[in-house]
Amino acid sequence: MSHQTELITVLDVDTTEEALHIIEASAGCAWYKIGSQLFTRCGPAIVELVLGMGRRVMLDLKYHDIPNTVEHAAAGATALGAGLFTLHASGGRAMIAAARKAVEGAPTQILAVTILTSFDDATLKSDIGLHETAAQAVPRLAKLAVESGAHGIVCSPQEITLVRAAVGPGPLIVTPGIRPAWSTKDDQARIMTPAQARDAGASMIVVGRPILKHANPAEAVRLIQEELNS
């Protein structure tokens, strides 16, 4: 593939100290994902700290609320300096459009989460009551989100090609559920290696435990980036 696929390292830890340790240990990485775990404990200050270190932030709080609330939350993420933030595509057109209104003119971009990578088709049906497979629901939600103003999509690597067909070449595709061949699967149901995701057309890959659990996080980052650039 001719495009450059970027790595986002996950900061799923409880303290500022642990987050700083990961950032320092994974110095070759430009992007870091701050999700509910770290943000709930450390708040906006952790985003400011990471940005202050010259890194970029994907704020992964998956907004899903009434349009007015999400518009204000999106304005907050933009003011904070997040390069990317997430919301749920299932929040609908009006909610996504409200978020887009809040970021207009700013460099912050909106990513819509389609179906979480921990779901398989059986749990989508039994737990959510969705009578679609992930392969049907993901491109439908992706198309709705991009039409409503999202700049990109978060989906499992298995659905990259379906999403690309649904939204065209422009929007970002950001994929968790990435497991290098040398790491373990954990609780992710739909996974790929970094090179497979790149070849399928991922713009960015999100990697957590294979880096966090590695005896040498810098080595894990180096191995993943080497694979992406091979």
C-alpha atoms as a PDB file:
ATOM      1  CA  MET A   1       0.000   0.000   0.000  1.00  0.00           C
ATOM      2  CA  SER A   2       1.218   3.485  -0.748  1.00  0.00           C
ATOM      3  CA  HIS A   3      -0.435   5.191   2.229  1.00  0.00           C
ATOM      4  CA  GLN A   4       1.314   5.564   5.582  1.00  0.00           C
ATOM      5  CA  THR A   5      -0.486   3.820   8.451  1.00  0.00           C
ATOM      6  CA  GLU A   6       0.124   5.472  11.830  1.00  0.00           C
ATOM      7  CA  LEU A   7       0.380   3.832  15.232  1.00  0.00           C
ATOM      8  CA  ILE A   8      -1.660   5.048  18.214  1.00  0.00           C
ATOM      9  CA  THR A   9      -0.502   3.708  21.584  1.00  0.00           C
ATOM     10  CA  VAL A  10      -3.175   3.160  24.229  1.00  0.00           C
ATOM     11  CA  LEU A  11      -2.775   4.730  27.668  1.00  0.00           C
ATOM     12  CA  ASP A  12      -5.159   2.399  29.513  1.00  0.00           C
ATOM     13  CA  VAL A  13      -3.641   2.915  32.966  1.00  0.00           C
ATOM     14  CA  ASP A  14      -4.798   4.486  36.238  1.00  0.00           C
ATOM     15  CA  THR A  15      -2.180   7.133  37.006  1.00  0.00           C
ATOM     16  CA  THR A  16      -0.311  10.035  35.442  1.00  0.00           C
ATOM     17  CA  GLU A  17       2.950   8.344  36.419  1.00  0.00           C
ATOM     18  CA  GLU A  18       2.084   5.144  34.535  1.00  0.00           C
ATOM     19  CA  ALA A  19       0.975   7.156  31.489  1.00  0.00           C
ATOM     20  CA  LEU A  20       4.218   9.165  31.478  1.00  0.00           C
ATOM     21  CA  HIS A  21       6.204   5.947  31.811  1.00  0.00           C
ATOM     22  CA  ILE A  22       4.515   4.495  28.709  1.00  0.00           C
ATOM     23  CA  ILE A  23       5.053   7.713  26.707  1.00  0.00           C
ATOM     24  CA  GLU A  24       8.727   7.841  27.662  1.00  0.00           C
ATOM     25  CA  ALA A  25       9.156   4.107  27.000  1.00  0.00           C
ATOM     26  CA  SER A  26       7.471   4.332  23.582  1.00  0.00           C
ATOM     27  CA  ALA A  27       9.265   7.428  22.354  1.00  0.00           C
ATOM     28  CA  GLY A  28       8.955   6.481  18.679  1.00  0.00           C
ATOM     29  CA  CYS A  29       5.172   6.951  18.758  1.00  0.00           C
ATOM     30  CA  ALA A  30       3.444  10.292  17.970  1.00  0.00           C
ATOM     31  CA  TRP A  31      -0.166   9.453  18.916  1.00  0.00           C
ATOM     32  CA  TYR A  32      -1.655   8.300  22.228  1.00  0.00           C
ATOM     33  CA  LYS A  33      -5.210   7.231  23.033  1.00  0.00           C
ATOM     34  CA  ILE A  34      -6.675   8.472  26.294  1.00  0.00           C
ATOM     35  CA  GLY A  35      -9.862   6.618  27.168  1.00  0.00           C
ATOM     36  CA  SER A  36     -12.379   6.412  30.006  1.00  0.00           C
ATOM     37  CA  GLN A  37     -10.021   4.648  32.429  1.00  0.00           C
ATOM     38  CA  LEU A  38      -7.290   7.312  32.529  1.00  0.00           C
ATOM     39  CA  PHE A  39      -9.521  10.334  31.832  1.00  0.00           C
ATOM     40  CA  THR A  40     -11.920   9.477  34.677  1.00  0.00           C
ATOM     41  CA  ARG A  41      -9.031   9.374  37.132  1.00  0.00           C
ATOM     42  CA  CYS A  42      -6.837  12.220  35.841  1.00  0.00           C
ATOM     43  CA  GLY A  43      -9.216  14.467  33.901  1.00  0.00           C
ATOM     44  CA  PRO A  44      -8.356  17.076  31.260  1.00  0.00           C
ATOM     45  CA  ALA A  45      -4.946  17.670  32.896  1.00  0.00           C
ATOM     46  CA  ILE A  46      -3.634  14.385  31.452  1.00  0.00           C
ATOM     47  CA  VAL A  47      -4.564  15.476  27.915  1.00  0.00           C
ATOM     48  CA  GLU A  48      -2.784  18.807  28.431  1.00  0.00           C
ATOM     49  CA  LEU A  49       0.268  16.995  29.822  1.00  0.00           C
ATOM     50  CA  VAL A  50       0.540  14.619  26.834  1.00  0.00           C
ATOM     51  CA  LEU A  51       0.085  17.502  24.374  1.00  0.00           C
ATOM     52  CA  GLY A  52       2.711  19.456  26.304  1.00  0.00           C
ATOM     53  CA  MET A  53       5.169  16.626  25.626  1.00  0.00           C
ATOM     54  CA  GLY A  54       4.734  17.227  21.894  1.00  0.00           C
ATOM     55  CA  ARG A  55       2.498  14.186  21.362  1.00  0.00           C
ATOM     56  CA  ARG A  56      -0.963  14.028  19.804  1.00  0.00           C
ATOM     57  CA  VAL A  57      -4.089  12.771  21.534  1.00  0.00           C
ATOM     58  CA  MET A  58      -7.019  10.619  20.469  1.00  0.00           C
ATOM     59  CA  LEU A  59      -9.617  11.295  23.190  1.00  0.00           C
ATOM     60  CA  ASP A  60     -11.651   8.106  23.289  1.00  0.00           C
ATOM     61  CA  LEU A  61     -14.683   8.865  25.462  1.00  0.00           C
ATOM     62  CA  LYS A  62     -17.243   7.608  22.907  1.00  0.00           C
ATOM     63  CA  TYR A  63     -19.831  10.349  23.348  1.00  0.00           C
ATOM     64  CA  HIS A  64     -23.413   9.087  23.021  1.00  0.00           C
ATOM     65  CA  ASP A  65     -26.066  11.485  24.290  1.00  0.00           C
ATOM     66  CA  ILE A  66     -28.629  14.042  23.114  1.00  0.00           C
ATOM     67  CA  PRO A  67     -27.262  16.321  20.350  1.00  0.00           C
ATOM     68  CA  ASN A  68     -26.959  19.430  22.563  1.00  0.00           C
ATOM     69  CA  THR A  69     -24.878  17.583  25.172  1.00  0.00           C
ATOM     70  CA  VAL A  70     -22.593  16.033  22.562  1.00  0.00           C
ATOM     71  CA  GLU A  71     -22.149  19.412  20.841  1.00  0.00           C
ATOM     72  CA  HIS A  72     -20.854  20.904  24.109  1.00  0.00           C
ATOM     73  CA  ALA A  73     -18.656  17.871  24.809  1.00  0.00           C
ATOM     74  CA  ALA A  74     -17.209  18.121  21.272  1.00  0.00           C
ATOM     75  CA  ALA A  75     -16.484  21.815  21.845  1.00  0.00           C
ATOM     76  CA  GLY A  76     -14.690  20.836  25.049  1.00  0.00           C
ATOM     77  CA  ALA A  77     -12.571  18.191  23.308  1.00  0.00           C
ATOM     78  CA  THR A  78     -11.676  20.753  20.637  1.00  0.00           C
ATOM     79  CA  ALA A  79     -10.746  23.427  23.208  1.00  0.00           C
ATOM     80  CA  LEU A  80      -8.613  20.848  25.015  1.00  0.00           C
ATOM     81  CA  GLY A  81      -6.594  20.283  21.835  1.00  0.00           C
ATOM     82  CA  ALA A  82      -7.504  16.669  21.092  1.00  0.00           C
ATOM     83  CA  GLY A  83      -6.517  15.779  17.529  1.00  0.00           C
ATOM     84  CA  LEU A  84      -9.205  13.107  17.380  1.00  0.00           C
ATOM     85  CA  PHE A  85     -12.179  12.249  19.562  1.00  0.00           C
ATOM     86  CA  THR A  86     -14.756   9.484  19.421  1.00  0.00           C
ATOM     87  CA  LEU A  87     -18.524   9.263  19.503  1.00  0.00           C
ATOM     88  CA  HIS A  88     -20.913   6.390  18.813  1.00  0.00           C
ATOM     89  CA  ALA A  89     -22.293   6.240  15.268  1.00  0.00           C
ATOM     90  CA  SER A  90     -25.440   4.721  16.796  1.00  0.00           C
ATOM     91  CA  GLY A  91     -26.115   8.130  18.393  1.00  0.00           C
ATOM     92  CA  GLY A  92     -27.621   9.077  15.036  1.00  0.00           C
ATOM     93  CA  ARG A  93     -27.446  11.816  12.432  1.00  0.00           C
ATOM     94  CA  ALA A  94     -28.510  14.801  14.551  1.00  0.00           C
ATOM     95  CA  MET A  95     -25.993  13.989  17.287  1.00  0.00           C
ATOM     96  CA  ILE A  96     -23.086  13.582  14.841  1.00  0.00           C
ATOM     97  CA  ALA A  97     -24.038  16.760  12.963  1.00  0.00           C
ATOM     98  CA  ALA A  98     -24.092  18.671  16.278  1.00  0.00           C
ATOM     99  CA  ALA A  99     -20.565  17.455  17.065  1.00  0.00           C
ATOM    100  CA  ARG A 100     -19.373  18.488  13.601  1.00  0.00           C
ATOM    101  CA  LYS A 101     -20.812  21.979  14.120  1.00  0.00           C
ATOM    102  CA  ALA A 102     -18.721  22.282  17.303  1.00  0.00           C
ATOM    103  CA  VAL A 103     -15.410  21.388  15.604  1.00  0.00           C
ATOM    104  CA  GLU A 104     -15.892  23.341  12.364  1.00  0.00           C
ATOM    105  CA  GLY A 105     -12.781  25.365  11.541  1.00  0.00           C
ATOM    106  CA  ALA A 106     -10.635  23.570  14.150  1.00  0.00           C
ATOM    107  CA  PRO A 107      -8.029  20.847  13.437  1.00  0.00           C
ATOM    108  CA  THR A 108      -9.894  18.391  15.706  1.00  0.00           C
ATOM    109  CA  GLN A 109     -11.482  15.475  13.850  1.00  0.00           C
ATOM    110  CA  ILE A 110     -14.422  13.271  14.780  1.00  0.00           C
ATOM    111  CA  LEU A 111     -14.238   9.476  14.709  1.00  0.00           C
ATOM    112  CA  ALA A 112     -17.477   7.494  14.811  1.00  0.00           C
ATOM    113  CA  VAL A 113     -17.377   4.122  16.548  1.00  0.00           C
ATOM    114  CA  THR A 114     -19.426   1.529  14.680  1.00  0.00           C
ATOM    115  CA  ILE A 115     -19.458  -1.831  16.497  1.00  0.00           C
ATOM    116  CA  LEU A 116     -17.099  -2.454  19.419  1.00  0.00           C
ATOM    117  CA  THR A 117     -14.425  -5.066  18.683  1.00  0.00           C
ATOM    118  CA  SER A 118     -15.456  -7.152  21.715  1.00  0.00           C
ATOM    119  CA  PHE A 119     -18.795  -7.978  20.037  1.00  0.00           C
ATOM    120  CA  ASP A 120     -19.285 -10.925  17.726  1.00  0.00           C
ATOM    121  CA  ASP A 121     -22.445 -11.599  15.718  1.00  0.00           C
ATOM    122  CA  ALA A 122     -23.979 -13.815  18.414  1.00  0.00           C
ATOM    123  CA  THR A 123     -23.658 -11.182  21.163  1.00  0.00           C
ATOM    124  CA  LEU A 124     -24.882  -8.429  18.829  1.00  0.00           C
ATOM    125  CA  LYS A 125     -28.086 -10.418  18.457  1.00  0.00           C
ATOM    126  CA  SER A 126     -28.479 -11.753  22.024  1.00  0.00           C
ATOM    127  CA  ASP A 127     -27.313  -8.697  24.007  1.00  0.00           C
ATOM    128  CA  ILE A 128     -28.078  -5.718  21.747  1.00  0.00           C
ATOM    129  CA  GLY A 129     -31.023  -7.141  19.810  1.00  0.00           C
ATOM    130  CA  LEU A 130     -29.403  -6.164  16.521  1.00  0.00           C
ATOM    131  CA  HIS A 131     -30.599  -8.482  13.761  1.00  0.00           C
ATOM    132  CA  GLU A 132     -27.617  -7.664  11.565  1.00  0.00           C
ATOM    133  CA  THR A 133     -24.173  -9.185  11.475  1.00  0.00           C
ATOM    134  CA  ALA A 134     -21.216  -6.916  12.238  1.00  0.00           C
ATOM    135  CA  ALA A 135     -20.423  -7.080   8.511  1.00  0.00           C
ATOM    136  CA  GLN A 136     -23.870  -5.578   7.765  1.00  0.00           C
ATOM    137  CA  ALA A 137     -24.108  -3.094  10.644  1.00  0.00           C
ATOM    138  CA  VAL A 138     -20.605  -1.611  10.399  1.00  0.00           C
ATOM    139  CA  PRO A 139     -20.764  -0.236   6.813  1.00  0.00           C
ATOM    140  CA  ARG A 140     -24.333   1.012   7.368  1.00  0.00           C
ATOM    141  CA  LEU A 141     -23.316   2.936  10.505  1.00  0.00           C
ATOM    142  CA  ALA A 142     -20.090   4.149   8.852  1.00  0.00           C
ATOM    143  CA  LYS A 143     -21.982   5.618   5.890  1.00  0.00           C
ATOM    144  CA  LEU A 144     -24.523   7.299   8.177  1.00  0.00           C
ATOM    145  CA  ALA A 145     -21.730   8.791  10.317  1.00  0.00           C
ATOM    146  CA  VAL A 146     -19.686  10.202   7.429  1.00  0.00           C
ATOM    147  CA  GLU A 147     -22.806  11.632   5.756  1.00  0.00           C
ATOM    148  CA  SER A 148     -23.609  13.333   9.088  1.00  0.00           C
ATOM    149  CA  GLY A 149     -20.169  14.949   9.439  1.00  0.00           C
ATOM    150  CA  ALA A 150     -17.763  12.444  10.994  1.00  0.00           C
ATOM    151  CA  HIS A 151     -14.201  12.671   9.611  1.00  0.00           C
ATOM    152  CA  GLY A 152     -13.508   8.996  10.125  1.00  0.00           C
ATOM    153  CA  ILE A 153     -14.618   5.656  11.460  1.00  0.00           C
ATOM    154  CA  VAL A 154     -13.476   3.307  14.192  1.00  0.00           C
ATOM    155  CA  CYS A 155     -14.094  -0.310  13.209  1.00  0.00           C
ATOM    156  CA  SER A 156     -12.569  -3.744  13.573  1.00  0.00           C
ATOM    157  CA  PRO A 157      -9.830  -4.581  11.054  1.00  0.00           C
ATOM    158  CA  GLN A 158     -12.085  -7.252   9.587  1.00  0.00           C
ATOM    159  CA  GLU A 159     -14.477  -4.565   8.313  1.00  0.00           C
ATOM    160  CA  ILE A 160     -11.919  -2.121   6.849  1.00  0.00           C
ATOM    161  CA  THR A 161     -12.638  -3.072   3.244  1.00  0.00           C
ATOM    162  CA  LEU A 162     -16.416  -2.953   3.812  1.00  0.00           C
ATOM    163  CA  VAL A 163     -16.126   0.508   5.410  1.00  0.00           C
ATOM    164  CA  ARG A 164     -13.832   1.790   2.659  1.00  0.00           C
ATOM    165  CA  ALA A 165     -16.391   0.656   0.072  1.00  0.00           C
ATOM    166  CA  ALA A 166     -19.178   2.393   2.036  1.00  0.00           C
ATOM    167  CA  VAL A 167     -17.460   5.753   2.721  1.00  0.00           C
ATOM    168  CA  GLY A 168     -14.954   6.125  -0.133  1.00  0.00           C
ATOM    169  CA  PRO A 169     -11.222   6.926  -0.035  1.00  0.00           C
ATOM    170  CA  GLY A 170     -11.327  10.151   2.013  1.00  0.00           C
ATOM    171  CA  PRO A 171     -12.379   9.372   5.593  1.00  0.00           C
ATOM    172  CA  LEU A 172      -9.970   8.051   8.202  1.00  0.00           C
ATOM    173  CA  ILE A 173     -10.292   4.419   9.229  1.00  0.00           C
ATOM    174  CA  VAL A 174      -8.953   3.763  12.719  1.00  0.00           C
ATOM    175  CA  THR A 175      -8.758   0.174  13.884  1.00  0.00           C
ATOM    176  CA  PRO A 176      -8.348  -1.354  17.325  1.00  0.00           C
ATOM    177  CA  GLY A 177      -8.258  -5.134  17.615  1.00  0.00           C
ATOM    178  CA  ILE A 178      -4.688  -5.205  16.306  1.00  0.00           C
ATOM    179  CA  ARG A 179      -2.531  -8.039  17.546  1.00  0.00           C
ATOM    180  CA  PRO A 180       1.001  -8.562  16.211  1.00  0.00           C
ATOM    181  CA  ALA A 181       1.765 -12.227  15.518  1.00  0.00           C
ATOM    182  CA  TRP A 182       4.009 -12.301  18.614  1.00  0.00           C
ATOM    183  CA  SER A 183       1.279 -11.170  21.055  1.00  0.00           C
ATOM    184  CA  THR A 184      -1.842 -12.745  22.624  1.00  0.00           C
ATOM    185  CA  LYS A 185      -5.456 -12.305  21.503  1.00  0.00           C
ATOM    186  CA  ASP A 186      -6.918 -11.218  24.931  1.00  0.00           C
ATOM    187  CA  ASP A 187     -10.674 -10.419  24.763  1.00  0.00           C
ATOM    188  CA  GLN A 188     -10.716  -9.022  21.220  1.00  0.00           C
ATOM    189  CA  ALA A 189     -13.022 -11.063  18.987  1.00  0.00           C
ATOM    190  CA  ARG A 190     -12.138  -9.656  15.548  1.00  0.00           C
ATOM    191  CA  ILE A 191      -8.397  -9.124  15.081  1.00  0.00           C
ATOM    192  CA  MET A 192      -5.586  -8.652  12.500  1.00  0.00           C
ATOM    193  CA  THR A 193      -1.839  -8.056  12.504  1.00  0.00           C
ATOM    194  CA  PRO A 194      -0.546  -4.513  11.858  1.00  0.00           C
ATOM    195  CA  ALA A 195       0.559  -5.393   8.315  1.00  0.00           C
ATOM    196  CA  GLN A 196      -2.800  -6.999   7.481  1.00  0.00           C
ATOM    197  CA  ALA A 197      -4.653  -3.888   8.699  1.00  0.00           C
ATOM    198  CA  ARG A 198      -2.332  -1.631   6.693  1.00  0.00           C
ATOM    199  CA  ASP A 199      -2.846  -3.689   3.547  1.00  0.00           C
ATOM    200  CA  ALA A 200      -6.622  -3.607   4.025  1.00  0.00           C
ATOM    201  CA  GLY A 201      -6.481   0.209   4.075  1.00  0.00           C
ATOM    202  CA  ALA A 202      -6.336   1.309   7.730  1.00  0.00           C
ATOM    203  CA  SER A 203      -5.289   4.952   8.252  1.00  0.00           C
ATOM    204  CA  MET A 204      -4.277   4.352  11.877  1.00  0.00           C
ATOM    205  CA  ILE A 205      -4.039   1.335  14.160  1.00  0.00           C
ATOM    206  CA  VAL A 206      -4.681   1.409  17.907  1.00  0.00           C
ATOM    207  CA  VAL A 207      -2.509  -0.908  19.985  1.00  0.00           C
ATOM    208  CA  GLY A 208      -2.731  -1.406  23.740  1.00  0.00           C
ATOM    209  CA  ARG A 209      -1.794  -4.567  25.557  1.00  0.00           C
ATOM    210  CA  PRO A 210       0.843  -5.826  23.077  1.00  0.00           C
ATOM    211  CA  ILE A 211       2.800  -2.636  23.938  1.00  0.00           C
ATOM    212  CA  LEU A 212       1.739  -2.226  27.587  1.00  0.00           C
ATOM    213  CA  LYS A 213       2.377  -5.869  28.520  1.00  0.00           C
ATOM    214  CA  HIS A 214       5.665  -6.129  26.612  1.00  0.00           C
ATOM    215  CA  ALA A 215       8.808  -6.434  28.722  1.00  0.00           C
ATOM    216  CA  ASN A 216      10.248  -3.613  26.579  1.00  0.00           C
ATOM    217  CA  PRO A 217       7.506  -1.232  25.302  1.00  0.00           C
ATOM    218  CA  ALA A 218       9.953   0.694  23.104  1.00  0.00           C
ATOM    219  CA  GLU A 219      10.871  -2.568  21.384  1.00  0.00           C
ATOM    220  CA  ALA A 220       7.181  -3.390  20.872  1.00  0.00           C
ATOM    221  CA  VAL A 221       6.611   0.046  19.268  1.00  0.00           C
ATOM    222  CA  ARG A 222       9.682  -0.427  17.087  1.00  0.00           C
ATOM    223  CA  LEU A 223       8.542  -3.891  15.955  1.00  0.00           C
ATOM    224  CA  ILE A 224       5.038  -2.650  15.102  1.00  0.00           C
ATOM    225  CA  GLN A 225       6.298   0.393  13.182  1.00  0.00           C
ATOM    226  CA  GLU A 226       8.830  -1.789  11.366  1.00  0.00           C
ATOM    227  CA  GLU A 227       5.983  -4.090  10.336  1.00  0.00           C
ATOM    228  CA  LEU A 228       3.843  -1.138   9.189  1.00  0.00           C
ATOM    229  CA  ASN A 229       6.718   0.238   7.108  1.00  0.00           C
ATOM    230  CA  SER A 230       7.881  -3.105   5.670  1.00  0.00           C
END
